[in-house]
Amino acid sequence: MQLEFWGAAREVTGSMHLLRVGRRNLLIDCGLAQGRRKHTFARNRNLPFEASSIDAVILTHAHLDHAGNLPSLVRAGFRGKIFTTSATEDLCSYMLVDSAHIQKSDVRYVNRRRKREGKHLFEPLYQIGDVRKTLSRFRAMDYHAWFTPVEGVRALFLDAGHILGSASVILEVSEGGRTRRIVFSGDIGRDGLPILRDPEIPRGADFVVMESTYGDRLHEPPSAAKQYLRACAASTAERKGVLLIPAFALGRTQEVVYRLNQLWEEGALPAMDVFVDSPLAVNVTEVFGRHPECWDEEMIDTVRNDRDGDALGFRRLRYVQSVDESKSLNARPGPMIIISASGMCEGGRILHHLSNNLGKPTTTVLFVGFQAENTLGRKILEGRNPVPILGEQVEVNARVERADSYSAHADRNELIAWAEAVRDQGRVQRYFLVHGEPHAAESLATAIRERGTADVQVPERGQAFEI
């Protein structure tokens, strides 16, 4: 059998791993690459294999860097099933539709300028029709229930604790009279986060494919998240400004709202209105309510004791859906908080809020998630000035803050502990580290080698291994 790495190899986005077992081909994740627009657009459109040759897909979770290019796979000829958890299926029914709409909107906006300049016009990667065909191929599986995605392979989902419905995957692969146990970590969550259960660890494997996003960095404890948010809100309120929080509509938005709700309940939230400007976030938040089987005890207790019976809503909070209401926020005086997608500032309504507010010294931009290389969020975080937004150069006079305590990814110590726990039966032959920039992955590789596993690989894109 052969394992090939076609995405998130020495980079964070575009997760896509191909397992070839005899004549069967099983794809684990099919995510969008993000970064330099021209480069990633070509990568996303041009799949590195024949889509029709893929027999099945296993999807670890609904974030677009893992699920967002599934419609391109279907559009190119994939006709198999896509196996995932029930919550992930529900989330993708909104995430992928929203992705198609954003692509169409952003391409239309950029093409207006390109047409004036006489340049070649872009086309979206996929359309709504491609998304509908993709969703028809989903098959929801329960956690802890074995299933057979292709002949010769048994699979099992464990809760990865990263976002709603996220999973680590155990594969038992039989070929030539022998069986190998392969674990794909997916994105690994953290112990002690609100809303969701702590990650489950698959113990014992022959080969492990694991993420390394924060392989060289430690996070602040999750308990620091609420107070950091309160401090940013208070300082912005004093300046009568706008606190902009770029946040993925799935996962991070709900956690920020959860913390704001706690501050409201405690009387510690400054007198400022809060807007979640993302139609997708409205739908995603509704999905959270549909899946209490994924909640942790803290979330259950909060819902039970909240004065409104809603851990993701309070009186000063408004969810914004219409374009007109979104635009009206740019004329509204502060102080206020705007939470908007996308989390890496690569599309969606956050671009327009940044364009209108980055130049104001009363604005604070608070990053609560990882910013991949070459994304707009990374450029702002690194202090670039000006920055390109929707074809224009925008001056940055706003305060820029980062709160790692909100991260839904395990940090260096948590990743090392996860790797050691998987190895507790002493049988891991090789680790493959993916979903991390080179310095992060190499740093984690060194740490794992120092703890007794000599064979730790950080694969290049397109690299294949016999296992």
Protein backbone atom coordinates (compact mmCIF):
# COMPACT_ATOMS: atom_id res chain seq x y z
CA MET A 1 0.00 0.00 0.00
CA GLN A 2 1.10 3.56 -0.66
CA LEU A 3 0.45 6.86 1.11
CA GLU A 4 0.70 10.09 -0.91
CA PHE A 5 0.63 13.66 0.41
CA TRP A 6 -1.04 16.21 -1.88
CA GLY A 7 -1.94 19.00 0.52
CA ALA A 8 -1.01 20.50 3.89
CA ALA A 9 2.51 19.17 3.26
CA ARG A 10 4.95 21.66 4.80
CA GLU A 11 2.06 24.14 4.86
CA VAL A 12 -1.13 24.55 6.85
CA THR A 13 -3.97 24.61 4.34
CA GLY A 14 -5.30 22.33 1.59
CA SER A 15 -5.32 19.02 3.49
CA MET A 16 -5.41 16.08 1.08
CA HIS A 17 -3.87 12.63 1.62
CA LEU A 18 -4.27 9.66 -0.72
CA LEU A 19 -4.04 6.05 0.44
CA ARG A 20 -3.69 3.45 -2.32
CA VAL A 21 -4.59 -0.09 -1.27
CA GLY A 22 -4.28 -2.51 -4.19
CA ARG A 23 -6.58 -1.10 -6.84
CA ARG A 24 -8.58 0.97 -4.34
CA ASN A 25 -7.90 4.66 -3.73
CA LEU A 26 -9.07 6.32 -0.51
CA LEU A 27 -8.76 10.10 -0.10
CA ILE A 28 -8.59 11.60 3.38
CA ASP A 29 -9.84 15.21 3.22
CA CYS A 30 -10.01 17.45 0.17
CA GLY A 31 -9.41 20.99 1.38
CA LEU A 32 -8.87 24.37 -0.19
CA ALA A 33 -5.33 25.69 -0.31
CA GLN A 34 -5.17 29.30 0.86
CA GLY A 35 -2.52 31.97 0.40
CA ARG A 36 -1.27 33.66 -2.76
CA ARG A 37 -4.43 33.95 -4.83
CA LYS A 38 -3.07 33.04 -8.27
CA HIS A 39 -0.98 30.13 -6.98
CA THR A 40 -3.64 28.59 -4.74
CA PHE A 41 -6.43 29.08 -7.29
CA ALA A 42 -4.46 27.02 -9.82
CA ARG A 43 -3.70 24.37 -7.17
CA ASN A 44 -7.33 24.09 -6.17
CA ARG A 45 -8.61 23.86 -9.74
CA ASN A 46 -6.03 21.35 -11.00
CA LEU A 47 -6.27 18.19 -8.92
CA PRO A 48 -3.07 16.08 -8.87
CA PHE A 49 -4.90 12.84 -9.75
CA GLU A 50 -7.86 11.67 -11.80
CA ALA A 51 -10.94 12.42 -9.73
CA SER A 52 -12.70 9.37 -11.17
CA SER A 53 -9.95 7.12 -9.79
CA ILE A 54 -10.90 7.95 -6.17
CA ASP A 55 -13.21 5.29 -4.74
CA ALA A 56 -14.17 7.06 -1.50
CA VAL A 57 -13.36 10.05 0.69
CA ILE A 58 -13.08 10.23 4.47
CA LEU A 59 -13.62 13.76 5.77
CA THR A 60 -12.23 14.67 9.21
CA HIS A 61 -14.16 17.93 9.68
CA ALA A 62 -15.95 20.81 7.98
CA HIS A 63 -13.32 23.57 7.91
CA LEU A 64 -12.71 24.67 4.32
CA ASP A 65 -9.01 23.80 4.41
CA HIS A 66 -10.16 20.18 4.85
CA ALA A 67 -13.53 20.07 3.06
CA GLY A 68 -13.67 23.10 0.80
CA ASN A 69 -12.46 21.53 -2.45
CA LEU A 70 -14.79 18.52 -2.41
CA PRO A 71 -17.06 20.19 -5.02
CA SER A 72 -14.06 20.49 -7.37
CA LEU A 73 -13.45 16.76 -6.90
CA VAL A 74 -17.07 15.96 -7.77
CA ARG A 75 -17.06 18.41 -10.66
CA ALA A 76 -13.97 16.64 -12.04
CA GLY A 77 -15.61 13.19 -11.99
CA PHE A 78 -15.59 11.70 -8.48
CA ARG A 79 -18.58 9.38 -8.03
CA GLY A 80 -17.91 7.66 -4.71
CA LYS A 81 -19.16 8.24 -1.17
CA ILE A 82 -17.91 10.83 1.32
CA PHE A 83 -17.84 9.43 4.87
CA THR A 84 -17.94 11.79 7.85
CA THR A 85 -19.78 12.45 11.12
CA SER A 86 -23.38 13.61 11.29
CA ALA A 87 -22.46 17.07 12.62
CA THR A 88 -19.86 17.54 9.88
CA GLU A 89 -22.41 16.63 7.23
CA ASP A 90 -24.85 19.21 8.64
CA LEU A 91 -22.15 21.86 8.79
CA CYS A 92 -20.97 21.19 5.23
CA SER A 93 -24.52 21.70 3.96
CA TYR A 94 -23.99 25.36 4.88
CA MET A 95 -20.19 25.71 4.61
CA LEU A 96 -19.89 24.53 1.03
CA VAL A 97 -22.89 26.54 -0.19
CA ASP A 98 -21.41 29.62 1.47
CA SER A 99 -18.03 28.91 -0.12
CA ALA A 100 -19.61 28.83 -3.58
CA HIS A 101 -21.46 32.10 -2.92
CA ILE A 102 -18.33 33.85 -1.63
CA GLN A 103 -16.28 32.70 -4.60
CA LYS A 104 -18.92 34.00 -6.98
CA SER A 105 -19.17 37.33 -5.15
CA ASP A 106 -15.41 37.86 -4.80
CA VAL A 107 -14.74 36.89 -8.41
CA ARG A 108 -17.44 39.30 -9.60
CA TYR A 109 -15.89 42.11 -7.53
CA VAL A 110 -12.34 41.45 -8.75
CA ASN A 111 -13.48 40.97 -12.36
CA ARG A 112 -14.95 44.48 -12.48
CA ARG A 113 -11.46 45.87 -12.02
CA ARG A 114 -9.83 43.30 -14.31
CA LYS A 115 -12.34 44.08 -17.07
CA ARG A 116 -11.51 47.80 -16.86
CA GLU A 117 -7.82 46.89 -17.15
CA GLY A 118 -8.42 44.56 -20.10
CA LYS A 119 -7.23 41.49 -18.17
CA HIS A 120 -8.43 37.89 -18.41
CA LEU A 121 -11.51 37.36 -16.21
CA PHE A 122 -11.60 34.75 -13.47
CA GLU A 123 -14.22 32.03 -12.93
CA PRO A 124 -15.25 30.52 -9.57
CA LEU A 125 -13.81 27.12 -8.73
CA TYR A 126 -17.29 25.63 -8.54
CA GLN A 127 -20.97 26.51 -8.58
CA ILE A 128 -23.94 25.80 -6.30
CA GLY A 129 -24.92 22.87 -8.54
CA ASP A 130 -21.55 21.25 -7.86
CA VAL A 131 -22.13 21.68 -4.12
CA ARG A 132 -25.54 19.99 -4.31
CA LYS A 133 -24.04 17.02 -6.14
CA THR A 134 -21.30 16.84 -3.51
CA LEU A 135 -23.72 16.86 -0.58
CA SER A 136 -25.68 13.99 -2.13
CA ARG A 137 -22.57 11.82 -1.74
CA PHE A 138 -22.21 12.33 2.02
CA ARG A 139 -22.75 9.38 4.34
CA ALA A 140 -22.92 10.16 8.08
CA MET A 141 -21.30 7.72 10.51
CA ASP A 142 -21.42 7.68 14.32
CA TYR A 143 -18.36 8.06 16.51
CA HIS A 144 -16.98 4.68 17.70
CA ALA A 145 -18.78 2.69 14.95
CA TRP A 146 -16.67 0.72 12.46
CA PHE A 147 -17.51 1.09 8.76
CA THR A 148 -15.98 -0.02 5.44
CA PRO A 149 -15.22 2.89 3.07
CA VAL A 150 -13.53 0.64 0.46
CA GLU A 151 -12.78 -3.05 0.20
CA GLY A 152 -9.97 -4.08 2.55
CA VAL A 153 -10.26 -1.03 4.82
CA ARG A 154 -12.16 -0.66 8.12
CA ALA A 155 -12.53 2.85 9.57
CA LEU A 156 -13.53 4.35 12.91
CA PHE A 157 -14.14 7.97 13.99
CA LEU A 158 -13.04 9.31 17.39
CA ASP A 159 -13.90 12.82 18.62
CA ALA A 160 -10.92 15.10 17.85
CA GLY A 161 -12.26 17.94 20.04
CA HIS A 162 -11.30 20.57 17.44
CA ILE A 163 -14.67 21.80 16.16
CA LEU A 164 -18.20 20.43 16.17
CA GLY A 165 -18.16 17.01 14.51
CA SER A 166 -14.38 16.86 14.08
CA ALA A 167 -12.81 13.42 14.05
CA SER A 168 -9.57 11.53 14.22
CA VAL A 169 -9.64 8.47 11.98
CA ILE A 170 -8.43 4.93 12.67
CA LEU A 171 -7.93 2.79 9.57
CA GLU A 172 -7.31 -0.94 9.68
CA VAL A 173 -5.96 -1.80 6.23
CA SER A 174 -5.61 -5.38 5.00
CA GLU A 175 -3.47 -6.23 1.99
CA GLY A 176 -1.45 -9.29 1.03
CA GLY A 177 -2.40 -11.20 4.16
CA ARG A 178 -1.30 -8.53 6.62
CA THR A 179 -3.13 -5.72 8.42
CA ARG A 180 -1.77 -2.28 9.19
CA ARG A 181 -3.32 0.24 11.60
CA ILE A 182 -3.06 3.83 10.36
CA VAL A 183 -4.20 6.85 12.37
CA PHE A 184 -5.02 10.23 10.84
CA SER A 185 -5.24 12.80 13.61
CA GLY A 186 -7.24 15.40 11.70
CA ASP A 187 -6.92 18.68 13.56
CA ILE A 188 -6.35 18.00 17.25
CA GLY A 189 -8.25 20.07 19.79
CA ARG A 190 -7.31 21.12 23.31
CA ASP A 191 -8.38 19.96 26.73
CA GLY A 192 -10.44 22.46 28.69
CA LEU A 193 -12.05 24.38 25.82
CA PRO A 194 -15.69 25.38 26.27
CA ILE A 195 -18.64 23.96 24.30
CA LEU A 196 -17.01 20.75 22.98
CA ARG A 197 -15.65 17.57 24.56
CA ASP A 198 -11.90 17.08 25.01
CA PRO A 199 -10.12 15.17 22.22
CA GLU A 200 -10.11 11.38 22.31
CA ILE A 201 -6.75 9.75 21.66
CA PRO A 202 -6.49 6.66 19.42
CA ARG A 203 -4.07 4.44 21.29
CA GLY A 204 -1.85 2.17 19.26
CA ALA A 205 -0.98 2.44 15.56
CA ASP A 206 1.62 1.31 13.04
CA PHE A 207 1.65 4.63 11.18
CA VAL A 208 0.44 8.05 12.30
CA VAL A 209 -0.39 11.07 10.16
CA MET A 210 -0.73 14.00 12.53
CA GLU A 211 -1.07 17.75 12.40
CA SER A 212 1.75 20.06 13.49
CA THR A 213 0.25 23.55 13.19
CA TYR A 214 1.60 24.77 16.52
CA GLY A 215 4.49 22.32 16.77
CA ASP A 216 6.86 25.12 17.77
CA ARG A 217 4.60 27.24 19.97
CA LEU A 218 2.82 27.17 23.31
CA HIS A 219 -0.62 28.69 23.90
CA GLU A 220 -1.93 30.67 26.78
CA PRO A 221 -4.35 28.57 28.85
CA PRO A 222 -7.96 28.60 27.62
CA SER A 223 -8.96 30.26 30.89
CA ALA A 224 -7.16 33.46 29.73
CA ALA A 225 -9.40 33.89 26.68
CA LYS A 226 -12.30 35.62 28.43
CA GLN A 227 -10.21 38.22 30.25
CA TYR A 228 -8.15 39.05 27.15
CA LEU A 229 -11.38 39.64 25.26
CA ARG A 230 -12.72 41.83 28.06
CA ALA A 231 -9.53 43.94 28.05
CA CYS A 232 -9.65 44.47 24.27
CA ALA A 233 -13.34 45.38 24.45
CA ALA A 234 -12.76 47.83 27.32
CA SER A 235 -9.86 49.66 25.62
CA THR A 236 -11.80 49.91 22.35
CA ALA A 237 -14.88 51.20 24.18
CA GLU A 238 -12.80 53.93 25.82
CA ARG A 239 -11.74 55.13 22.35
CA LYS A 240 -15.34 54.78 21.06
CA GLY A 241 -13.93 52.59 18.32
CA VAL A 242 -14.63 49.29 16.61
CA LEU A 243 -13.25 45.96 17.80
CA LEU A 244 -12.96 43.81 14.67
CA ILE A 245 -12.60 40.07 15.25
CA PRO A 246 -11.92 38.04 12.09
CA ALA A 247 -13.24 34.59 12.98
CA PHE A 248 -14.25 31.52 11.07
CA ALA A 249 -18.02 31.15 11.12
CA LEU A 250 -17.52 27.60 12.35
CA GLY A 251 -16.00 27.08 15.78
CA ARG A 252 -14.13 30.27 16.60
CA THR A 253 -17.17 32.55 16.24
CA GLN A 254 -19.18 30.38 18.62
CA GLU A 255 -16.37 30.37 21.20
CA VAL A 256 -15.98 34.17 21.08
CA VAL A 257 -19.75 34.60 21.44
CA TYR A 258 -19.74 32.10 24.32
CA ARG A 259 -17.07 34.17 26.12
CA LEU A 260 -18.94 37.43 25.44
CA ASN A 261 -22.08 35.82 26.83
CA GLN A 262 -20.16 34.93 30.00
CA LEU A 263 -18.98 38.55 30.34
CA TRP A 264 -22.54 39.75 29.82
CA GLU A 265 -23.87 37.37 32.46
CA GLU A 266 -21.19 38.61 34.88
CA GLY A 267 -21.86 42.30 34.13
CA ALA A 268 -18.30 42.66 32.87
CA LEU A 269 -19.00 43.47 29.20
CA PRO A 270 -18.51 47.18 28.37
CA ALA A 271 -21.56 49.07 27.10
CA MET A 272 -21.15 48.22 23.42
CA ASP A 273 -23.27 46.33 20.93
CA VAL A 274 -21.99 43.11 19.40
CA PHE A 275 -22.66 42.10 15.79
CA VAL A 276 -21.94 38.70 14.27
CA ASP A 277 -21.84 39.71 10.61
CA SER A 278 -22.02 36.38 8.87
CA PRO A 279 -25.09 34.63 7.48
CA LEU A 280 -23.10 31.41 7.67
CA ALA A 281 -22.45 31.90 11.39
CA VAL A 282 -26.22 32.12 11.97
CA ASN A 283 -26.73 28.75 10.28
CA VAL A 284 -23.70 27.17 11.94
CA THR A 285 -24.84 28.30 15.38
CA GLU A 286 -28.20 26.63 14.70
CA VAL A 287 -26.33 23.40 13.87
CA PHE A 288 -24.57 23.60 17.26
CA GLY A 289 -28.00 23.49 18.88
CA ARG A 290 -28.85 20.39 16.86
CA HIS A 291 -25.92 18.35 18.16
CA PRO A 292 -25.82 18.32 21.97
CA GLU A 293 -24.16 14.90 21.73
CA CYS A 294 -20.95 16.84 20.97
CA TRP A 295 -21.23 19.26 23.93
CA ASP A 296 -19.06 19.08 27.02
CA GLU A 297 -20.37 19.34 30.58
CA GLU A 298 -19.56 23.05 30.82
CA MET A 299 -21.74 23.85 27.80
CA ILE A 300 -24.59 21.71 29.15
CA ASP A 301 -24.41 23.47 32.54
CA THR A 302 -24.23 26.91 30.91
CA VAL A 303 -27.35 26.29 28.84
CA ARG A 304 -29.11 24.99 31.93
CA ASN A 305 -28.17 28.02 34.07
CA ASP A 306 -28.11 30.88 31.52
CA ARG A 307 -30.76 33.53 32.26
CA ASP A 308 -31.97 33.30 28.64
CA GLY A 309 -31.29 29.58 28.28
CA ASP A 310 -28.94 30.40 25.40
CA ALA A 311 -25.16 30.15 25.75
CA LEU A 312 -24.66 31.65 22.28
CA GLY A 313 -26.92 34.69 22.55
CA PHE A 314 -27.61 37.69 24.81
CA ARG A 315 -29.43 41.02 24.68
CA ARG A 316 -26.66 43.16 23.18
CA LEU A 317 -25.83 40.57 20.49
CA ARG A 318 -27.29 40.68 16.99
CA TYR A 319 -26.70 38.25 14.15
CA VAL A 320 -26.51 40.10 10.81
CA GLN A 321 -27.72 38.42 7.64
CA SER A 322 -28.64 41.01 5.00
CA VAL A 323 -26.07 42.84 2.89
CA ASP A 324 -27.75 46.18 3.61
CA GLU A 325 -27.48 45.70 7.37
CA SER A 326 -23.85 44.66 6.98
CA LYS A 327 -23.09 47.82 5.00
CA SER A 328 -24.90 49.96 7.58
CA LEU A 329 -22.37 48.90 10.23
CA ASN A 330 -19.71 50.93 8.45
CA ALA A 331 -21.72 54.13 9.07
CA ARG A 332 -22.60 53.24 12.66
CA PRO A 333 -20.68 55.10 15.39
CA GLY A 334 -18.71 53.12 17.94
CA PRO A 335 -18.11 51.63 20.30
CA MET A 336 -19.07 48.19 19.00
CA ILE A 337 -17.73 44.73 18.34
CA ILE A 338 -17.96 43.14 14.89
CA ILE A 339 -17.21 39.43 14.51
CA SER A 340 -17.01 38.46 10.85
CA ALA A 341 -15.61 35.78 8.55
CA SER A 342 -13.29 34.68 7.17
CA GLY A 343 -10.85 33.99 9.96
CA MET A 344 -7.75 34.49 7.78
CA CYS A 345 -9.32 37.52 6.05
CA GLU A 346 -9.23 35.75 2.68
CA GLY A 347 -12.84 36.43 1.73
CA GLY A 348 -16.27 37.36 3.01
CA ARG A 349 -17.59 40.44 4.79
CA ILE A 350 -14.54 40.94 7.03
CA LEU A 351 -12.72 42.35 3.98
CA HIS A 352 -15.16 45.26 3.73
CA HIS A 353 -14.99 45.96 7.48
CA LEU A 354 -11.20 45.95 7.35
CA SER A 355 -11.19 48.22 4.31
CA ASN A 356 -13.38 50.73 6.15
CA ASN A 357 -11.75 50.55 9.60
CA LEU A 358 -8.06 49.61 9.34
CA GLY A 359 -7.07 53.23 8.73
CA LYS A 360 -8.64 54.44 12.00
CA PRO A 361 -6.50 54.56 15.17
CA THR A 362 -9.65 53.95 17.24
CA THR A 363 -10.00 50.46 15.67
CA THR A 364 -8.65 47.28 17.24
CA VAL A 365 -8.22 44.11 15.19
CA LEU A 366 -8.13 41.01 17.38
CA PHE A 367 -6.93 37.79 15.76
CA VAL A 368 -8.20 34.69 17.55
CA GLY A 369 -6.96 32.01 15.14
CA PHE A 370 -3.99 30.87 13.07
CA GLN A 371 -3.04 33.03 10.09
CA ALA A 372 -1.44 31.03 7.28
CA GLU A 373 1.45 32.31 5.20
CA ASN A 374 0.57 34.87 2.51
CA THR A 375 -2.98 35.41 3.79
CA LEU A 376 -4.22 38.94 4.44
CA GLY A 377 -4.55 38.15 8.14
CA ARG A 378 -0.87 37.13 8.30
CA LYS A 379 0.18 40.33 6.52
CA ILE A 380 -1.73 42.48 9.01
CA LEU A 381 -0.40 40.49 11.96
CA GLU A 382 3.18 40.85 10.72
CA GLY A 383 2.82 44.62 10.50
CA ARG A 384 2.71 45.07 6.73
CA ASN A 385 1.55 48.56 5.80
CA PRO A 386 -0.28 49.17 3.57
CA VAL A 387 -2.04 45.88 2.85
CA PRO A 388 -3.96 44.83 -0.29
CA ILE A 389 -7.73 44.46 0.14
CA LEU A 390 -10.01 43.83 -2.83
CA GLY A 391 -7.51 45.28 -5.27
CA GLU A 392 -6.73 48.42 -3.24
CA GLN A 393 -3.87 49.34 -0.90
CA VAL A 394 -5.23 50.14 2.59
CA GLU A 395 -3.27 51.95 5.30
CA VAL A 396 -3.09 50.27 8.72
CA ASN A 397 -3.42 52.63 11.68
CA ALA A 398 -5.47 50.28 13.86
CA ARG A 399 -4.17 48.42 16.89
CA VAL A 400 -3.48 44.77 16.09
CA GLU A 401 -3.76 42.13 18.81
CA ARG A 402 -3.51 38.33 18.91
CA ALA A 403 -5.01 35.92 21.45
CA ASP A 404 -3.57 32.40 21.17
CA SER A 405 -5.72 31.28 24.10
CA TYR A 406 -8.62 30.96 21.65
CA SER A 407 -6.85 28.46 19.47
CA ALA A 408 -8.77 25.24 18.83
CA HIS A 409 -5.49 23.53 17.81
CA ALA A 410 -3.30 21.70 20.30
CA ASP A 411 -0.02 23.49 21.06
CA ARG A 412 3.48 21.98 21.11
CA ASN A 413 3.21 20.28 24.50
CA GLU A 414 -0.29 19.01 23.77
CA LEU A 415 0.82 17.60 20.40
CA ILE A 416 3.79 15.84 22.01
CA ALA A 417 1.50 14.35 24.67
CA TRP A 418 -0.94 13.20 21.96
CA ALA A 419 1.86 11.55 19.94
CA GLU A 420 3.21 9.74 23.01
CA ALA A 421 -0.26 8.55 24.02
CA VAL A 422 -0.88 7.08 20.55
CA ARG A 423 2.42 5.25 20.89
CA ASP A 424 1.62 3.84 24.33
CA GLN A 425 1.59 0.28 23.00
CA GLY A 426 5.06 0.79 21.51
CA ARG A 427 4.22 -0.18 17.94
CA VAL A 428 4.37 3.09 15.93
CA GLN A 429 6.83 2.61 13.08
CA ARG A 430 6.63 6.10 11.61
CA TYR A 431 5.02 9.48 12.14
CA PHE A 432 4.15 11.76 9.21
CA LEU A 433 3.76 15.41 10.25
CA VAL A 434 1.41 17.52 8.12
CA HIS A 435 -0.71 20.66 8.41
CA GLY A 436 2.17 22.82 9.63
CA GLU A 437 4.67 25.28 8.24
CA PRO A 438 8.19 23.81 7.88
CA HIS A 439 9.70 25.27 11.06
CA ALA A 440 6.73 24.14 13.16
CA ALA A 441 6.68 20.63 11.69
CA GLU A 442 10.46 20.17 11.97
CA SER A 443 10.47 21.41 15.56
CA LEU A 444 7.77 18.89 16.50
CA ALA A 445 9.58 16.14 14.57
CA THR A 446 12.72 16.74 16.62
CA ALA A 447 10.74 16.58 19.86
CA ILE A 448 9.10 13.27 18.90
CA ARG A 449 12.46 11.77 17.85
CA GLU A 450 13.96 12.79 21.19
CA ARG A 451 11.23 10.79 22.90
CA GLY A 452 12.15 7.53 21.23
CA THR A 453 10.67 7.38 17.71
CA ALA A 454 13.51 7.62 15.21
CA ASP A 455 11.41 7.65 12.03
CA VAL A 456 9.51 10.92 11.82
CA GLN A 457 8.87 12.34 8.34
CA VAL A 458 7.80 15.82 7.25
CA PRO A 459 6.67 15.01 3.70
CA GLU A 460 6.88 17.30 0.69
CA ARG A 461 3.84 17.85 -1.50
CA GLY A 462 3.55 14.92 -3.91
CA GLN A 463 5.83 12.67 -1.89
CA ALA A 464 4.75 9.01 -1.66
CA PHE A 465 5.67 6.33 0.90
CA GLU A 466 5.30 2.57 0.83
CA ILE A 467 3.84 1.39 4.14
